[in-house]
Amino acid sequence: MGFGINNIVRNLSFQRLYLQFKRYKDSKALRKTHTIISLGCNFHRTEFGNHVFLGENVSLFDSSIGDYSYVNNNSIIKNTSIGKFCSIGPNVQIILGKHPSTFVSSHPMFYANNKPFKTFSDKTYIEEYDYATIGHDVWIGEGVLIPSGITIGNGAIITARSVVTKDVEPYSIVGGVPAKHIKYRFDNETLKIINDSEWWNWNVEHLKEKFKLFHNPSEFIDYLKFKNENNITQKDNII
């Protein structure tokens, strides 16, 4: 009995030391990217871009998050690729698995064998946890729910407390339960020009210099035309 308890204590102590070492190693690596991690955050197998910010009690698992994106308090994100310059509000969840709606039963007992409980299935017949993809410059409001496998296009806006059930087009505004298309942020020509500019890959010094152009789509487009006519380029590096 005593030997068993000693082994348990020894294993727990080793696990604590390992977790402390891992947190130290992760925090040391993140300092190089100027990432800010608030209290209570938890992340595992996640890649961070430069200047990322996580609010309190944010969880990120098996995901990636691009330069200058931030996630606010109490959000839980799994199996998700997040682009650059994304604004993700508090209490957002991207974790929901899929259940088949066209099968006789939606219970995993009949289509999956990877559960902690007994199932009848000989293998897993559907992909329950697809990777979700969030484009660049996406704004996701407070309390939004997004299932796995969803793609949200560049520049999209999802209003607070919406439940997204299908892919969201670039530069569209959606909202509601379930989330429905409200409108596009710009006309088709403006939308295409801004999206094709891929400004999120511009050199950070150039972004600093031209930040006021982002206040006015017309002036931004005029600058793009001037830039193209004069062969002005920026290196693809955001630091």
Protein backbone atom coordinates (compact mmCIF):
# COMPACT_ATOMS: atom_id res chain seq x y z
CA MET A 1 0.00 0.00 0.00
CA GLY A 2 2.73 2.41 1.02
CA PHE A 3 4.79 1.51 -2.05
CA GLY A 4 1.81 2.24 -4.30
CA ILE A 5 1.14 5.61 -2.68
CA ASN A 6 4.81 6.54 -2.99
CA ASN A 7 4.71 5.74 -6.70
CA ILE A 8 1.59 7.88 -7.16
CA VAL A 9 3.15 10.81 -5.29
CA ARG A 10 6.38 10.41 -7.29
CA ASN A 11 4.46 10.37 -10.59
CA LEU A 12 2.40 13.41 -9.62
CA SER A 13 5.56 15.29 -8.63
CA PHE A 14 7.17 14.41 -11.97
CA GLN A 15 4.07 15.57 -13.85
CA ARG A 16 4.09 18.89 -11.98
CA LEU A 17 7.78 19.40 -12.75
CA TYR A 18 7.20 18.54 -16.41
CA LEU A 19 4.29 20.99 -16.69
CA GLN A 20 6.30 23.72 -14.98
CA PHE A 21 9.21 23.09 -17.36
CA LYS A 22 6.89 23.09 -20.38
CA ARG A 23 5.24 26.37 -19.30
CA TYR A 24 8.69 27.91 -18.81
CA LYS A 25 9.85 26.67 -22.21
CA ASP A 26 6.65 27.89 -23.92
CA SER A 27 6.77 31.29 -22.23
CA LYS A 28 10.42 31.71 -23.22
CA ALA A 29 9.57 30.95 -26.87
CA LEU A 30 6.55 33.27 -26.81
CA ARG A 31 8.61 36.18 -25.52
CA LYS A 32 10.43 36.16 -28.85
CA THR A 33 7.12 36.76 -30.65
CA HIS A 34 6.06 39.54 -28.22
CA THR A 35 2.92 37.55 -27.41
CA ILE A 36 0.98 38.56 -24.28
CA ILE A 37 -0.65 35.74 -22.30
CA SER A 38 -3.03 36.80 -19.51
CA LEU A 39 -3.79 34.94 -16.28
CA GLY A 40 -5.50 31.56 -16.44
CA CYS A 41 -4.74 30.83 -20.10
CA ASN A 42 -4.23 27.28 -21.28
CA PHE A 43 -2.76 26.28 -24.63
CA HIS A 44 -1.41 23.08 -26.14
CA ARG A 45 0.03 22.28 -29.57
CA THR A 46 -0.69 25.84 -30.71
CA GLU A 47 1.43 28.06 -32.97
CA PHE A 48 1.58 31.80 -32.24
CA GLY A 49 2.34 34.61 -34.65
CA ASN A 50 3.88 37.91 -33.60
CA HIS A 51 2.21 40.31 -31.15
CA VAL A 52 -0.71 38.01 -30.32
CA PHE A 53 -2.79 38.82 -27.23
CA LEU A 54 -4.81 36.34 -25.15
CA GLY A 55 -7.21 37.65 -22.50
CA GLU A 56 -7.83 35.91 -19.18
CA ASN A 57 -8.83 32.23 -19.09
CA VAL A 58 -8.49 31.68 -22.83
CA SER A 59 -7.95 28.08 -23.99
CA LEU A 60 -6.29 27.27 -27.33
CA PHE A 61 -5.73 23.67 -28.38
CA ASP A 62 -4.32 22.22 -31.61
CA SER A 63 -4.62 25.60 -33.30
CA SER A 64 -2.65 28.46 -34.83
CA ILE A 65 -3.14 32.21 -34.50
CA GLY A 66 -1.65 34.83 -36.80
CA ASP A 67 0.16 38.12 -36.26
CA TYR A 68 -1.60 40.86 -34.30
CA SER A 69 -4.72 38.76 -33.64
CA TYR A 70 -6.28 38.73 -30.20
CA VAL A 71 -8.73 36.56 -28.27
CA ASN A 72 -10.67 38.03 -25.36
CA ASN A 73 -11.53 36.51 -21.97
CA ASN A 74 -12.98 33.03 -21.45
CA SER A 75 -12.93 31.92 -25.08
CA ILE A 76 -12.30 28.26 -25.93
CA ILE A 77 -10.85 27.42 -29.34
CA LYS A 78 -9.89 23.98 -30.64
CA ASN A 79 -8.68 22.69 -34.01
CA THR A 80 -8.73 26.14 -35.58
CA SER A 81 -6.51 28.19 -37.87
CA ILE A 82 -6.84 31.93 -37.12
CA GLY A 83 -5.43 34.47 -39.57
CA LYS A 84 -3.72 37.81 -38.97
CA PHE A 85 -5.37 40.91 -37.46
CA CYS A 86 -8.39 38.99 -36.14
CA SER A 87 -10.51 40.36 -33.28
CA ILE A 88 -12.17 37.60 -31.27
CA GLY A 89 -14.49 38.64 -28.46
CA PRO A 90 -15.02 37.07 -25.02
CA ASN A 91 -16.83 33.76 -24.46
CA VAL A 92 -16.39 32.59 -28.06
CA GLN A 93 -16.39 28.82 -28.53
CA ILE A 94 -15.03 26.92 -31.51
CA ILE A 95 -15.18 23.37 -30.21
CA LEU A 96 -18.46 21.76 -31.19
CA GLY A 97 -18.31 18.31 -32.79
CA LYS A 98 -20.59 17.09 -35.55
CA HIS A 99 -23.41 14.56 -35.32
CA PRO A 100 -24.93 13.11 -38.51
CA SER A 101 -28.40 14.48 -39.24
CA THR A 102 -29.05 12.05 -42.12
CA PHE A 103 -28.39 8.83 -40.17
CA VAL A 104 -31.26 6.99 -38.47
CA SER A 105 -29.75 7.99 -35.11
CA SER A 106 -27.48 10.93 -34.29
CA HIS A 107 -25.94 9.08 -31.32
CA PRO A 108 -22.19 8.27 -31.71
CA MET A 109 -22.85 4.72 -30.55
CA PHE A 110 -23.76 3.92 -34.15
CA TYR A 111 -20.97 5.68 -36.07
CA ALA A 112 -17.85 6.02 -33.86
CA ASN A 113 -15.58 3.71 -31.89
CA ASN A 114 -13.30 6.38 -30.38
CA LYS A 115 -15.48 7.31 -27.40
CA PRO A 116 -14.82 6.78 -23.67
CA PHE A 117 -18.13 4.90 -23.47
CA LYS A 118 -19.33 1.69 -25.11
CA THR A 119 -20.34 1.87 -28.79
CA PHE A 120 -21.59 -0.64 -31.36
CA SER A 121 -19.54 0.76 -34.25
CA ASP A 122 -16.51 -1.07 -35.65
CA LYS A 123 -14.86 2.20 -36.73
CA THR A 124 -15.48 5.94 -37.00
CA TYR A 125 -17.62 6.66 -40.07
CA ILE A 126 -17.72 10.48 -40.07
CA GLU A 127 -15.24 13.26 -39.39
CA GLU A 128 -16.56 14.75 -36.16
CA TYR A 129 -13.92 17.38 -35.51
CA ASP A 130 -12.88 19.03 -38.76
CA TYR A 131 -10.44 21.94 -38.67
CA ALA A 132 -12.11 25.36 -38.57
CA THR A 133 -10.53 28.16 -40.61
CA ILE A 134 -10.76 31.85 -39.68
CA GLY A 135 -9.42 34.19 -42.36
CA HIS A 136 -7.56 37.47 -41.89
CA ASP A 137 -9.10 40.63 -40.38
CA VAL A 138 -12.15 38.76 -39.03
CA TRP A 139 -14.19 40.22 -36.17
CA ILE A 140 -16.09 37.69 -34.04
CA GLY A 141 -18.40 39.18 -31.42
CA GLU A 142 -19.01 38.13 -27.81
CA GLY A 143 -20.47 34.69 -27.15
CA VAL A 144 -20.39 33.39 -30.73
CA LEU A 145 -20.56 29.60 -31.23
CA ILE A 146 -18.78 28.09 -34.24
CA PRO A 147 -18.77 24.35 -34.99
CA SER A 148 -15.71 22.53 -36.25
CA GLY A 149 -15.17 22.47 -40.00
CA ILE A 150 -16.50 25.98 -40.64
CA THR A 151 -14.59 28.45 -42.85
CA ILE A 152 -14.94 32.18 -42.20
CA GLY A 153 -13.67 34.38 -45.02
CA ASN A 154 -11.34 37.36 -44.79
CA GLY A 155 -12.84 40.54 -43.40
CA ALA A 156 -16.06 38.90 -42.18
CA ILE A 157 -17.99 40.14 -39.13
CA ILE A 158 -20.07 37.86 -36.88
CA THR A 159 -22.39 39.68 -34.50
CA ALA A 160 -22.53 38.87 -30.78
CA ARG A 161 -24.15 35.64 -29.55
CA SER A 162 -24.62 34.25 -33.04
CA VAL A 163 -24.55 30.53 -33.79
CA VAL A 164 -22.70 29.89 -37.05
CA THR A 165 -23.89 26.79 -38.90
CA LYS A 166 -22.30 27.24 -42.35
CA ASP A 167 -19.34 28.91 -44.04
CA VAL A 168 -19.21 32.71 -43.99
CA GLU A 169 -18.26 34.62 -47.15
CA PRO A 170 -15.42 37.17 -47.18
CA TYR A 171 -16.38 40.68 -46.04
CA SER A 172 -19.91 39.65 -45.15
CA ILE A 173 -21.75 40.48 -41.93
CA VAL A 174 -23.75 37.62 -40.42
CA GLY A 175 -25.73 37.27 -37.21
CA GLY A 176 -28.49 35.47 -35.38
CA VAL A 177 -29.42 31.93 -34.35
CA PRO A 178 -28.66 30.40 -36.74
CA ALA A 179 -26.42 33.10 -38.22
CA LYS A 180 -27.78 34.53 -41.47
CA HIS A 181 -26.30 36.88 -44.03
CA ILE A 182 -27.11 40.52 -43.19
CA LYS A 183 -25.09 42.38 -45.80
CA TYR A 184 -21.66 42.76 -47.36
CA ARG A 185 -19.37 45.40 -45.90
CA PHE A 186 -18.59 46.87 -49.33
CA ASP A 187 -19.77 46.72 -52.94
CA ASN A 188 -18.37 43.87 -55.05
CA GLU A 189 -15.61 45.90 -56.70
CA THR A 190 -14.38 47.44 -53.43
CA LEU A 191 -14.55 44.09 -51.68
CA LYS A 192 -12.46 42.39 -54.36
CA ILE A 193 -9.82 45.13 -54.46
CA ILE A 194 -9.35 45.14 -50.67
CA ASN A 195 -9.28 41.35 -50.46
CA ASP A 196 -6.82 41.03 -53.36
CA SER A 197 -4.51 43.62 -51.79
CA GLU A 198 -3.66 41.18 -48.97
CA TRP A 199 -2.69 44.20 -46.87
CA TRP A 200 -2.23 41.92 -43.83
CA ASN A 201 1.06 40.82 -45.42
CA TRP A 202 2.42 44.35 -45.82
CA ASN A 203 5.56 45.38 -44.02
CA VAL A 204 4.70 46.67 -40.54
CA GLU A 205 6.53 49.95 -41.13
CA HIS A 206 4.41 50.55 -44.20
CA LEU A 207 1.25 49.79 -42.22
CA LYS A 208 2.32 52.31 -39.57
CA GLU A 209 2.98 54.94 -42.21
CA LYS A 210 -0.32 54.42 -44.03
CA PHE A 211 -2.65 53.58 -41.13
CA LYS A 212 -5.00 56.51 -41.82
CA LEU A 213 -5.80 55.04 -45.25
CA PHE A 214 -7.61 52.25 -43.41
CA HIS A 215 -10.22 54.78 -42.22
CA ASN A 216 -11.51 55.39 -45.75
CA PRO A 217 -11.99 52.59 -48.34
CA SER A 218 -11.96 55.06 -51.26
CA GLU A 219 -8.63 56.57 -50.22
CA PHE A 220 -7.25 53.08 -49.59
CA ILE A 221 -8.20 51.99 -53.12
CA ASP A 222 -6.78 55.18 -54.64
CA TYR A 223 -3.51 54.44 -52.89
CA LEU A 224 -3.53 50.85 -54.18
CA LYS A 225 -3.95 52.12 -57.73
CA PHE A 226 -1.11 54.60 -57.24
CA LYS A 227 1.06 51.85 -55.75
CA ASN A 228 0.41 49.51 -58.66
CA GLU A 229 1.02 52.20 -61.27
CA ASN A 230 4.36 53.07 -59.66
CA ASN A 231 5.43 49.49 -58.86
CA ILE A 232 5.62 50.17 -55.12
CA THR A 233 6.00 46.89 -53.21
CA GLN A 234 6.29 45.83 -49.59
CA LYS A 235 8.11 42.83 -48.27
CA ASP A 236 5.96 40.08 -46.80
CA ASN A 237 7.08 40.48 -43.20
CA ILE A 238 4.96 41.50 -40.23
CA ILE A 239 7.12 41.99 -37.13
